[in-house]
C-alpha cells in the first residue's frame, strides 16, 4: 500500500492480491501503539480510496496529526492479515 497526502486528503493505493475477498476494511490510528478505528469499507474489487476530513460520515483526517493506516481484506468469513502500515502526517495549510 502507498499513501499520498494531498491537501487534507490521504490518497491510498494498493495491490489486490486476494482471489476471493468481498471487501477491504480501511483502518487508522493516531499513535503507533494505538487502537485501530475503521474508516471505510470498500467493495472487494477496489484498489484505491481517499481518506478525507469526512469519510463515511465520520471525522477521520485532521491537519497536524500523524496517522497510521492499514488495509484488511475480508471474504465475509475471515479477515486477512493487515497490509503494511503507512504513516502519514497531514499538514495544515
PDB file of N, CA and C in Angstrom:
ATOM      1  N   UNK A   1       0.851  -1.165   0.000  1.00  0.00           N
ATOM      2  CA  UNK A   1       0.000   0.000   0.000  1.00  0.00           C
ATOM      3  C   UNK A   1       0.896   1.227   0.000  1.00  0.00           C
ATOM      4  N   UNK A   2       0.437   2.224  -0.682  1.00  0.00           N
ATOM      5  CA  UNK A   2       1.110   3.512  -0.621  1.00  0.00           C
ATOM      6  C   UNK A   2       0.094   4.599  -0.338  1.00  0.00           C
ATOM      7  N   UNK A   3       0.576   5.692   0.200  1.00  0.00           N
ATOM      8  CA  UNK A   3      -0.299   6.807   0.543  1.00  0.00           C
ATOM      9  C   UNK A   3       0.338   8.103   0.064  1.00  0.00           C
ATOM     10  N   UNK A   4      -0.496   8.973  -0.476  1.00  0.00           N
ATOM     11  CA  UNK A   4      -0.067  10.291  -0.917  1.00  0.00           C
ATOM     12  C   UNK A   4      -0.946  11.315  -0.198  1.00  0.00           C
ATOM     13  N   UNK A   5      -0.310  12.265   0.472  1.00  0.00           N
ATOM     14  CA  UNK A   5      -1.058  13.315   1.156  1.00  0.00           C
ATOM     15  C   UNK A   5      -1.223  14.479   0.188  1.00  0.00           C
ATOM     16  N   UNK A   6      -2.469  14.908   0.017  1.00  0.00           N
ATOM     17  CA  UNK A   6      -2.800  15.990  -0.897  1.00  0.00           C
ATOM     18  C   UNK A   6      -3.818  16.878  -0.194  1.00  0.00           C
ATOM     19  N   UNK A   7      -3.433  18.088   0.134  1.00  0.00           N
ATOM     20  CA  UNK A   7      -4.275  18.977   0.933  1.00  0.00           C
ATOM     21  C   UNK A   7      -4.638  18.268   2.235  1.00  0.00           C
ATOM     22  N   UNK A   8      -5.904  18.130   2.551  1.00  0.00           N
ATOM     23  CA  UNK A   8      -6.322  17.423   3.767  1.00  0.00           C
ATOM     24  C   UNK A   8      -6.819  16.026   3.449  1.00  0.00           C
ATOM     25  N   UNK A   9      -6.363  15.466   2.339  1.00  0.00           N
ATOM     26  CA  UNK A   9      -6.767  14.124   1.927  1.00  0.00           C
ATOM     27  C   UNK A   9      -5.569  13.188   1.935  1.00  0.00           C
ATOM     28  N   UNK A  10      -5.837  11.905   2.180  1.00  0.00           N
ATOM     29  CA  UNK A  10      -4.817  10.873   2.054  1.00  0.00           C
ATOM     30  C   UNK A  10      -5.310   9.920   0.977  1.00  0.00           C
ATOM     31  N   UNK A  11      -4.599   9.892  -0.143  1.00  0.00           N
ATOM     32  CA  UNK A  11      -4.958   9.033  -1.267  1.00  0.00           C
ATOM     33  C   UNK A  11      -4.255   7.696  -1.085  1.00  0.00           C
ATOM     34  N   UNK A  12      -5.038   6.628  -0.951  1.00  0.00           N
ATOM     35  CA  UNK A  12      -4.490   5.287  -0.732  1.00  0.00           C
ATOM     36  C   UNK A  12      -4.569   4.486  -2.024  1.00  0.00           C
ATOM     37  N   UNK A  13      -3.554   3.668  -2.260  1.00  0.00           N
ATOM     38  CA  UNK A  13      -3.484   2.826  -3.450  1.00  0.00           C
ATOM     39  C   UNK A  13      -2.831   1.509  -3.025  1.00  0.00           C
ATOM     40  N   UNK A  14      -3.432   0.386  -3.412  1.00  0.00           N
ATOM     41  CA  UNK A  14      -2.880  -0.912  -3.020  1.00  0.00           C
ATOM     42  C   UNK A  14      -3.090  -1.933  -4.127  1.00  0.00           C
ATOM     43  N   UNK A  15      -2.362  -3.033  -4.020  1.00  0.00           N
ATOM     44  CA  UNK A  15      -2.492  -4.145  -4.965  1.00  0.00           C
ATOM     45  C   UNK A  15      -3.409  -5.177  -4.345  1.00  0.00           C
ATOM     46  N   UNK A  16      -4.433  -5.557  -5.082  1.00  0.00           N
ATOM     47  CA  UNK A  16      -5.375  -6.580  -4.618  1.00  0.00           C
ATOM     48  C   UNK A  16      -4.803  -7.944  -4.992  1.00  0.00           C
ATOM     49  N   UNK A  17      -4.124  -8.583  -4.038  1.00  0.00           N
ATOM     50  CA  UNK A  17      -3.509  -9.884  -4.280  1.00  0.00           C
ATOM     51  C   UNK A  17      -4.424 -11.039  -3.891  1.00  0.00           C
ATOM     52  N   UNK A  18      -5.598 -10.735  -3.380  1.00  0.00           N
ATOM     53  CA  UNK A  18      -6.526 -11.791  -2.958  1.00  0.00           C
ATOM     54  C   UNK A  18      -7.373 -12.253  -4.139  1.00  0.00           C
ATOM     55  N   UNK A  19      -7.888 -13.459  -4.023  1.00  0.00           N
ATOM     56  CA  UNK A  19      -8.711 -14.011  -5.105  1.00  0.00           C
ATOM     57  C   UNK A  19     -10.169 -14.161  -4.714  1.00  0.00           C
ATOM     58  N   UNK A  20     -10.466 -14.067  -3.429  1.00  0.00           N
ATOM     59  CA  UNK A  20     -11.847 -14.321  -3.007  1.00  0.00           C
ATOM     60  C   UNK A  20     -12.357 -13.314  -1.987  1.00  0.00           C
ATOM     61  N   UNK A  21     -11.798 -12.100  -1.984  1.00  0.00           N
ATOM     62  CA  UNK A  21     -12.269 -11.140  -0.995  1.00  0.00           C
ATOM     63  C   UNK A  21     -13.546 -10.454  -1.471  1.00  0.00           C
ATOM     64  N   UNK A  22     -14.347 -10.050  -0.507  1.00  0.00           N
ATOM     65  CA  UNK A  22     -15.587  -9.344  -0.834  1.00  0.00           C
ATOM     66  C   UNK A  22     -15.523  -7.878  -0.428  1.00  0.00           C
ATOM     67  N   UNK A  23     -14.515  -7.523   0.383  1.00  0.00           N
ATOM     68  CA  UNK A  23     -14.407  -6.137   0.840  1.00  0.00           C
ATOM     69  C   UNK A  23     -12.998  -5.860   1.349  1.00  0.00           C
ATOM     70  N   UNK A  24     -12.677  -4.568   1.422  1.00  0.00           N
ATOM     71  CA  UNK A  24     -11.462  -4.111   2.084  1.00  0.00           C
ATOM     72  C   UNK A  24     -11.885  -3.170   3.203  1.00  0.00           C
ATOM     73  N   UNK A  25     -11.326  -3.389   4.376  1.00  0.00           N
ATOM     74  CA  UNK A  25     -11.587  -2.522   5.517  1.00  0.00           C
ATOM     75  C   UNK A  25     -10.365  -1.620   5.704  1.00  0.00           C
ATOM     76  N   UNK A  26     -10.584  -0.330   5.661  1.00  0.00           N
ATOM     77  CA  UNK A  26      -9.511   0.642   5.826  1.00  0.00           C
ATOM     78  C   UNK A  26      -9.582   1.143   7.259  1.00  0.00           C
ATOM     79  N   UNK A  27      -8.445   1.043   7.956  1.00  0.00           N
ATOM     80  CA  UNK A  27      -8.397   1.415   9.362  1.00  0.00           C
ATOM     81  C   UNK A  27      -7.281   2.423   9.592  1.00  0.00           C
ATOM     82  N   UNK A  28      -7.415   3.199  10.652  1.00  0.00           N
ATOM     83  CA  UNK A  28      -6.381   4.162  11.007  1.00  0.00           C
ATOM     84  C   UNK A  28      -6.252   4.243  12.523  1.00  0.00           C
ATOM     85  N   UNK A  29      -5.123   4.766  12.950  1.00  0.00           N
ATOM     86  CA  UNK A  29      -4.901   5.064  14.367  1.00  0.00           C
ATOM     87  C   UNK A  29      -4.012   6.286  14.430  1.00  0.00           C
ATOM     88  N   UNK A  30      -4.043   6.991  15.547  1.00  0.00           N
ATOM     89  CA  UNK A  30      -3.287   8.236  15.653  1.00  0.00           C
ATOM     90  C   UNK A  30      -2.059   8.114  16.549  1.00  0.00           C
ATOM     91  N   UNK A  31      -1.675   6.887  16.875  1.00  0.00           N
ATOM     92  CA  UNK A  31      -0.396   6.641  17.549  1.00  0.00           C
ATOM     93  C   UNK A  31       0.062   5.240  17.157  1.00  0.00           C
ATOM     94  N   UNK A  32       1.363   5.027  17.163  1.00  0.00           N
ATOM     95  CA  UNK A  32       1.906   3.747  16.708  1.00  0.00           C
ATOM     96  C   UNK A  32       1.341   2.566  17.490  1.00  0.00           C
ATOM     97  N   UNK A  33       1.092   2.739  18.764  1.00  0.00           N
ATOM     98  CA  UNK A  33       0.578   1.659  19.604  1.00  0.00           C
ATOM     99  C   UNK A  33      -0.905   1.808  19.915  1.00  0.00           C
ATOM    100  N   UNK A  34      -1.578   2.709  19.204  1.00  0.00           N
ATOM    101  CA  UNK A  34      -2.990   2.964  19.475  1.00  0.00           C
ATOM    102  C   UNK A  34      -3.909   1.881  18.936  1.00  0.00           C
ATOM    103  N   UNK A  35      -5.173   2.056  19.204  1.00  0.00           N
ATOM    104  CA  UNK A  35      -6.201   1.127  18.725  1.00  0.00           C
ATOM    105  C   UNK A  35      -6.654   1.523  17.327  1.00  0.00           C
ATOM    106  N   UNK A  36      -6.952   0.518  16.510  1.00  0.00           N
ATOM    107  CA  UNK A  36      -7.419   0.759  15.145  1.00  0.00           C
ATOM    108  C   UNK A  36      -8.876   1.203  15.157  1.00  0.00           C
ATOM    109  N   UNK A  37      -9.203   2.121  14.268  1.00  0.00           N
ATOM    110  CA  UNK A  37     -10.566   2.593  14.055  1.00  0.00           C
ATOM    111  C   UNK A  37     -10.902   2.396  12.587  1.00  0.00           C
ATOM    112  N   UNK A  38     -12.079   1.845  12.319  1.00  0.00           N
ATOM    113  CA  UNK A  38     -12.479   1.655  10.925  1.00  0.00           C
ATOM    114  C   UNK A  38     -12.848   2.991  10.305  1.00  0.00           C
ATOM    115  N   UNK A  39     -12.254   3.264   9.153  1.00  0.00           N
ATOM    116  CA  UNK A  39     -12.554   4.496   8.424  1.00  0.00           C
ATOM    117  C   UNK A  39     -13.510   4.230   7.276  1.00  0.00           C
ATOM    118  N   UNK A  40     -13.397   3.056   6.652  1.00  0.00           N
ATOM    119  CA  UNK A  40     -14.231   2.775   5.482  1.00  0.00           C
ATOM    120  C   UNK A  40     -14.237   1.284   5.197  1.00  0.00           C
ATOM    121  N   UNK A  41     -15.253   0.867   4.471  1.00  0.00           N
ATOM    122  CA  UNK A  41     -15.364  -0.494   3.954  1.00  0.00           C
ATOM    123  C   UNK A  41     -15.647  -0.353   2.469  1.00  0.00           C
ATOM    124  N   UNK A  42     -14.753  -0.892   1.641  1.00  0.00           N
ATOM    125  CA  UNK A  42     -14.892  -0.737   0.198  1.00  0.00           C
ATOM    126  C   UNK A  42     -15.202  -2.087  -0.447  1.00  0.00           C
ATOM    127  N   UNK A  43     -15.769  -2.098  -1.638  1.00  0.00           N
ATOM    128  CA  UNK A  43     -16.004  -3.359  -2.346  1.00  0.00           C
ATOM    129  C   UNK A  43     -14.691  -4.094  -2.617  1.00  0.00           C
ATOM    130  N   UNK A  44     -14.772  -5.391  -2.793  1.00  0.00           N
ATOM    131  CA  UNK A  44     -13.591  -6.229  -2.993  1.00  0.00           C
ATOM    132  C   UNK A  44     -12.812  -5.938  -4.252  1.00  0.00           C
ATOM    133  N   UNK A  45     -13.426  -5.325  -5.238  1.00  0.00           N
ATOM    134  CA  UNK A  45     -12.709  -5.041  -6.482  1.00  0.00           C
ATOM    135  C   UNK A  45     -12.086  -3.648  -6.492  1.00  0.00           C
ATOM    136  N   UNK A  46     -11.978  -3.034  -5.324  1.00  0.00           N
ATOM    137  CA  UNK A  46     -11.426  -1.684  -5.188  1.00  0.00           C
ATOM    138  C   UNK A  46      -9.934  -1.768  -4.884  1.00  0.00           C
ATOM    139  N   UNK A  47      -9.150  -0.827  -5.420  1.00  0.00           N
ATOM    140  CA  UNK A  47      -7.744  -0.772  -5.035  1.00  0.00           C
ATOM    141  C   UNK A  47      -7.265   0.664  -4.783  1.00  0.00           C
ATOM    142  N   UNK A  48      -8.209   1.600  -4.656  1.00  0.00           N
ATOM    143  CA  UNK A  48      -7.878   2.964  -4.277  1.00  0.00           C
ATOM    144  C   UNK A  48      -8.976   3.505  -3.357  1.00  0.00           C
ATOM    145  N   UNK A  49      -8.585   4.436  -2.530  1.00  0.00           N
ATOM    146  CA  UNK A  49      -9.562   5.086  -1.661  1.00  0.00           C
ATOM    147  C   UNK A  49      -8.956   6.393  -1.177  1.00  0.00           C
ATOM    148  N   UNK A  50      -9.787   7.402  -0.968  1.00  0.00           N
ATOM    149  CA  UNK A  50      -9.330   8.680  -0.438  1.00  0.00           C
ATOM    150  C   UNK A  50      -9.937   8.911   0.936  1.00  0.00           C
ATOM    151  N   UNK A  51      -9.056   9.013   1.934  1.00  0.00           N
ATOM    152  CA  UNK A  51      -9.487   9.409   3.274  1.00  0.00           C
ATOM    153  C   UNK A  51      -9.459  10.925   3.316  1.00  0.00           C
ATOM    154  N   UNK A  52     -10.514  11.510   3.812  1.00  0.00           N
ATOM    155  CA  UNK A  52     -10.576  12.963   3.899  1.00  0.00           C
ATOM    156  C   UNK A  52     -11.050  13.356   5.283  1.00  0.00           C
ATOM    157  N   UNK A  53     -11.290  14.636   5.466  1.00  0.00           N
ATOM    158  CA  UNK A  53     -11.733  15.091   6.782  1.00  0.00           C
ATOM    159  C   UNK A  53     -13.091  14.501   7.139  1.00  0.00           C
ATOM    160  N   UNK A  54     -13.828  14.059   6.155  1.00  0.00           N
ATOM    161  CA  UNK A  54     -15.109  13.407   6.410  1.00  0.00           C
ATOM    162  C   UNK A  54     -15.218  12.202   5.494  1.00  0.00           C
ATOM    163  N   UNK A  55     -14.986  11.000   6.029  1.00  0.00           N
ATOM    164  CA  UNK A  55     -15.069   9.768   5.263  1.00  0.00           C
ATOM    165  C   UNK A  55     -16.173   8.908   5.834  1.00  0.00           C
ATOM    166  N   UNK A  56     -17.160   8.607   5.054  1.00  0.00           N
ATOM    167  CA  UNK A  56     -18.258   7.785   5.528  1.00  0.00           C
ATOM    168  C   UNK A  56     -19.034   8.427   6.654  1.00  0.00           C
ATOM    169  N   UNK A  57     -19.079   9.757   6.671  1.00  0.00           N
ATOM    170  CA  UNK A  57     -19.820  10.451   7.708  1.00  0.00           C
ATOM    171  C   UNK A  57     -19.093  10.552   9.036  1.00  0.00           C
ATOM    172  N   UNK A  58     -17.835  10.102   9.088  1.00  0.00           N
ATOM    173  CA  UNK A  58     -17.066  10.100  10.326  1.00  0.00           C
ATOM    174  C   UNK A  58     -15.866  11.024  10.162  1.00  0.00           C
ATOM    175  N   UNK A  59     -15.622  11.859  11.155  1.00  0.00           N
ATOM    176  CA  UNK A  59     -14.440  12.719  11.109  1.00  0.00           C
ATOM    177  C   UNK A  59     -13.204  11.838  11.194  1.00  0.00           C
ATOM    178  N   UNK A  60     -12.351  11.896  10.174  1.00  0.00           N
ATOM    179  CA  UNK A  60     -11.208  10.993  10.123  1.00  0.00           C
ATOM    180  C   UNK A  60      -9.887  11.741  10.144  1.00  0.00           C
ATOM    181  N   UNK A  61      -9.612  12.513   9.143  1.00  0.00           N
ATOM    182  CA  UNK A  61      -8.305  13.122   8.958  1.00  0.00           C
ATOM    183  C   UNK A  61      -8.327  14.575   9.415  1.00  0.00           C
ATOM    184  N   UNK A  62      -7.449  14.908  10.322  1.00  0.00           N
ATOM    185  CA  UNK A  62      -7.338  16.275  10.813  1.00  0.00           C
ATOM    186  C   UNK A  62      -5.932  16.797  10.550  1.00  0.00           C
ATOM    187  N   UNK A  63      -5.795  18.028  10.112  1.00  0.00           N
ATOM    188  CA  UNK A  63      -4.470  18.610   9.862  1.00  0.00           C
ATOM    189  C   UNK A  63      -3.608  18.623  11.125  1.00  0.00           C
ATOM    190  N   UNK A  64      -2.308  18.404  10.926  1.00  0.00           N
ATOM    191  CA  UNK A  64      -1.362  18.451  12.024  1.00  0.00           C
ATOM    192  C   UNK A  64      -1.245  17.173  12.815  1.00  0.00           C
ATOM    193  N   UNK A  65      -1.938  16.133  12.413  1.00  0.00           N
ATOM    194  CA  UNK A  65      -1.929  14.848  13.132  1.00  0.00           C
ATOM    195  C   UNK A  65      -1.233  13.794  12.268  1.00  0.00           C
ATOM    196  N   UNK A  66      -0.416  12.951  12.910  1.00  0.00           N
ATOM    197  CA  UNK A  66       0.194  11.808  12.228  1.00  0.00           C
ATOM    198  C   UNK A  66      -0.755  10.617  12.375  1.00  0.00           C
ATOM    199  N   UNK A  67      -0.982   9.912  11.275  1.00  0.00           N
ATOM    200  CA  UNK A  67      -1.866   8.748  11.267  1.00  0.00           C
ATOM    201  C   UNK A  67      -1.122   7.528  10.750  1.00  0.00           C
ATOM    202  N   UNK A  68      -1.483   6.368  11.268  1.00  0.00           N
ATOM    203  CA  UNK A  68      -1.037   5.086  10.743  1.00  0.00           C
ATOM    204  C   UNK A  68      -2.255   4.463  10.089  1.00  0.00           C
ATOM    205  N   UNK A  69      -2.084   3.955   8.875  1.00  0.00           N
ATOM    206  CA  UNK A  69      -3.210   3.439   8.099  1.00  0.00           C
ATOM    207  C   UNK A  69      -2.890   2.011   7.656  1.00  0.00           C
ATOM    208  N   UNK A  70      -3.881   1.140   7.745  1.00  0.00           N
ATOM    209  CA  UNK A  70      -3.747  -0.246   7.305  1.00  0.00           C
ATOM    210  C   UNK A  70      -4.998  -0.681   6.568  1.00  0.00           C
ATOM    211  N   UNK A  71      -4.854  -1.713   5.745  1.00  0.00           N
ATOM    212  CA  UNK A  71      -5.980  -2.249   4.978  1.00  0.00           C
ATOM    213  C   UNK A  71      -6.064  -3.749   5.214  1.00  0.00           C
ATOM    214  N   UNK A  72      -7.274  -4.228   5.414  1.00  0.00           N
ATOM    215  CA  UNK A  72      -7.523  -5.647   5.666  1.00  0.00           C
ATOM    216  C   UNK A  72      -8.546  -6.139   4.658  1.00  0.00           C
ATOM    217  N   UNK A  73      -8.223  -7.222   3.953  1.00  0.00           N
ATOM    218  CA  UNK A  73      -9.173  -7.852   3.032  1.00  0.00           C
ATOM    219  C   UNK A  73     -10.081  -8.780   3.833  1.00  0.00           C
ATOM    220  N   UNK A  74     -11.321  -8.908   3.388  1.00  0.00           N
ATOM    221  CA  UNK A  74     -12.289  -9.762   4.075  1.00  0.00           C
ATOM    222  C   UNK A  74     -13.092 -10.515   3.032  1.00  0.00           C
ATOM    223  N   UNK A  75     -13.357 -11.794   3.296  1.00  0.00           N
ATOM    224  CA  UNK A  75     -14.180 -12.585   2.373  1.00  0.00           C
ATOM    225  C   UNK A  75     -15.506 -12.995   2.992  1.00  0.00           C
ATOM    226  N   UNK A  76     -16.038 -12.182   3.862  1.00  0.00           N
ATOM    227  CA  UNK A  76     -17.294 -12.388   4.601  1.00  0.00           C
ATOM    228  C   UNK A  76     -17.147 -13.331   5.791  1.00  0.00           C
ATOM    229  N   UNK A  77     -16.103 -14.163   5.804  1.00  0.00           N
ATOM    230  CA  UNK A  77     -15.933 -15.127   6.889  1.00  0.00           C
ATOM    231  C   UNK A  77     -14.675 -14.860   7.707  1.00  0.00           C
ATOM    232  N   UNK A  78     -13.612 -14.445   7.029  1.00  0.00           N
ATOM    233  CA  UNK A  78     -12.309 -14.322   7.676  1.00  0.00           C
ATOM    234  C   UNK A  78     -11.618 -13.050   7.203  1.00  0.00           C
ATOM    235  N   UNK A  79     -10.937 -12.375   8.129  1.00  0.00           N
ATOM    236  CA  UNK A  79     -10.104 -11.232   7.771  1.00  0.00           C
ATOM    237  C   UNK A  79      -8.711 -11.717   7.408  1.00  0.00           C
ATOM    238  N   UNK A  80      -8.088 -11.054   6.459  1.00  0.00           N
ATOM    239  CA  UNK A  80      -6.690 -11.315   6.153  1.00  0.00           C
ATOM    240  C   UNK A  80      -5.831 -10.637   7.216  1.00  0.00           C
ATOM    241  N   UNK A  81      -4.544 -10.882   7.159  1.00  0.00           N
ATOM    242  CA  UNK A  81      -3.654 -10.093   7.984  1.00  0.00           C
ATOM    243  C   UNK A  81      -3.619  -8.686   7.399  1.00  0.00           C
ATOM    244  N   UNK A  82      -3.268  -7.730   8.198  1.00  0.00           N
ATOM    245  CA  UNK A  82      -3.255  -6.344   7.746  1.00  0.00           C
ATOM    246  C   UNK A  82      -2.157  -6.134   6.712  1.00  0.00           C
ATOM    247  N   UNK A  83      -2.391  -5.192   5.832  1.00  0.00           N
ATOM    248  CA  UNK A  83      -1.374  -4.792   4.872  1.00  0.00           C
ATOM    249  C   UNK A  83      -0.213  -4.150   5.622  1.00  0.00           C
ATOM    250  N   UNK A  84       0.801  -3.783   4.878  1.00  0.00           N
ATOM    251  CA  UNK A  84       1.824  -2.955   5.507  1.00  0.00           C
ATOM    252  C   UNK A  84       1.146  -1.683   6.004  1.00  0.00           C
ATOM    253  N   UNK A  85       1.619  -1.171   7.109  1.00  0.00           N
ATOM    254  CA  UNK A  85       1.090   0.095   7.623  1.00  0.00           C
ATOM    255  C   UNK A  85       1.870   1.230   6.977  1.00  0.00           C
ATOM    256  N   UNK A  86       1.171   2.293   6.677  1.00  0.00           N
ATOM    257  CA  UNK A  86       1.843   3.518   6.259  1.00  0.00           C
ATOM    258  C   UNK A  86       1.546   4.576   7.291  1.00  0.00           C
ATOM    259  N   UNK A  87       2.514   5.420   7.546  1.00  0.00           N
ATOM    260  CA  UNK A  87       2.207   6.526   8.453  1.00  0.00           C
ATOM    261  C   UNK A  87       2.345   7.819   7.665  1.00  0.00           C
ATOM    262  N   UNK A  88       1.391   8.690   7.888  1.00  0.00           N
ATOM    263  CA  UNK A  88       1.326   9.950   7.150  1.00  0.00           C
ATOM    264  C   UNK A  88       1.110  11.091   8.125  1.00  0.00           C
ATOM    265  N   UNK A  89       1.603  12.248   7.749  1.00  0.00           N
ATOM    266  CA  UNK A  89       1.367  13.466   8.509  1.00  0.00           C
ATOM    267  C   UNK A  89       0.596  14.398   7.605  1.00  0.00           C
ATOM    268  N   UNK A  90      -0.607  14.749   8.042  1.00  0.00           N
ATOM    269  CA  UNK A  90      -1.450  15.666   7.264  1.00  0.00           C
ATOM    270  C   UNK A  90      -1.111  17.075   7.710  1.00  0.00           C
ATOM    271  N   UNK A  91      -0.578  17.861   6.793  1.00  0.00           N
ATOM    272  CA  UNK A  91      -0.148  19.214   7.114  1.00  0.00           C
ATOM    273  C   UNK A  91      -1.318  20.175   7.041  1.00  0.00           C
ATOM    274  N   UNK A  92      -1.289  21.187   7.871  1.00  0.00           N
ATOM    275  CA  UNK A  92      -2.311  22.224   7.775  1.00  0.00           C
ATOM    276  C   UNK A  92      -1.839  23.262   6.775  1.00  0.00           C
ATOM    277  N   UNK A  93      -2.790  23.955   6.197  1.00  0.00           N
ATOM    278  CA  UNK A  93      -2.465  24.961   5.173  1.00  0.00           C
ATOM    279  C   UNK A  93      -1.931  26.214   5.796  1.00  0.00           C
TER     280      UNK A  93
END
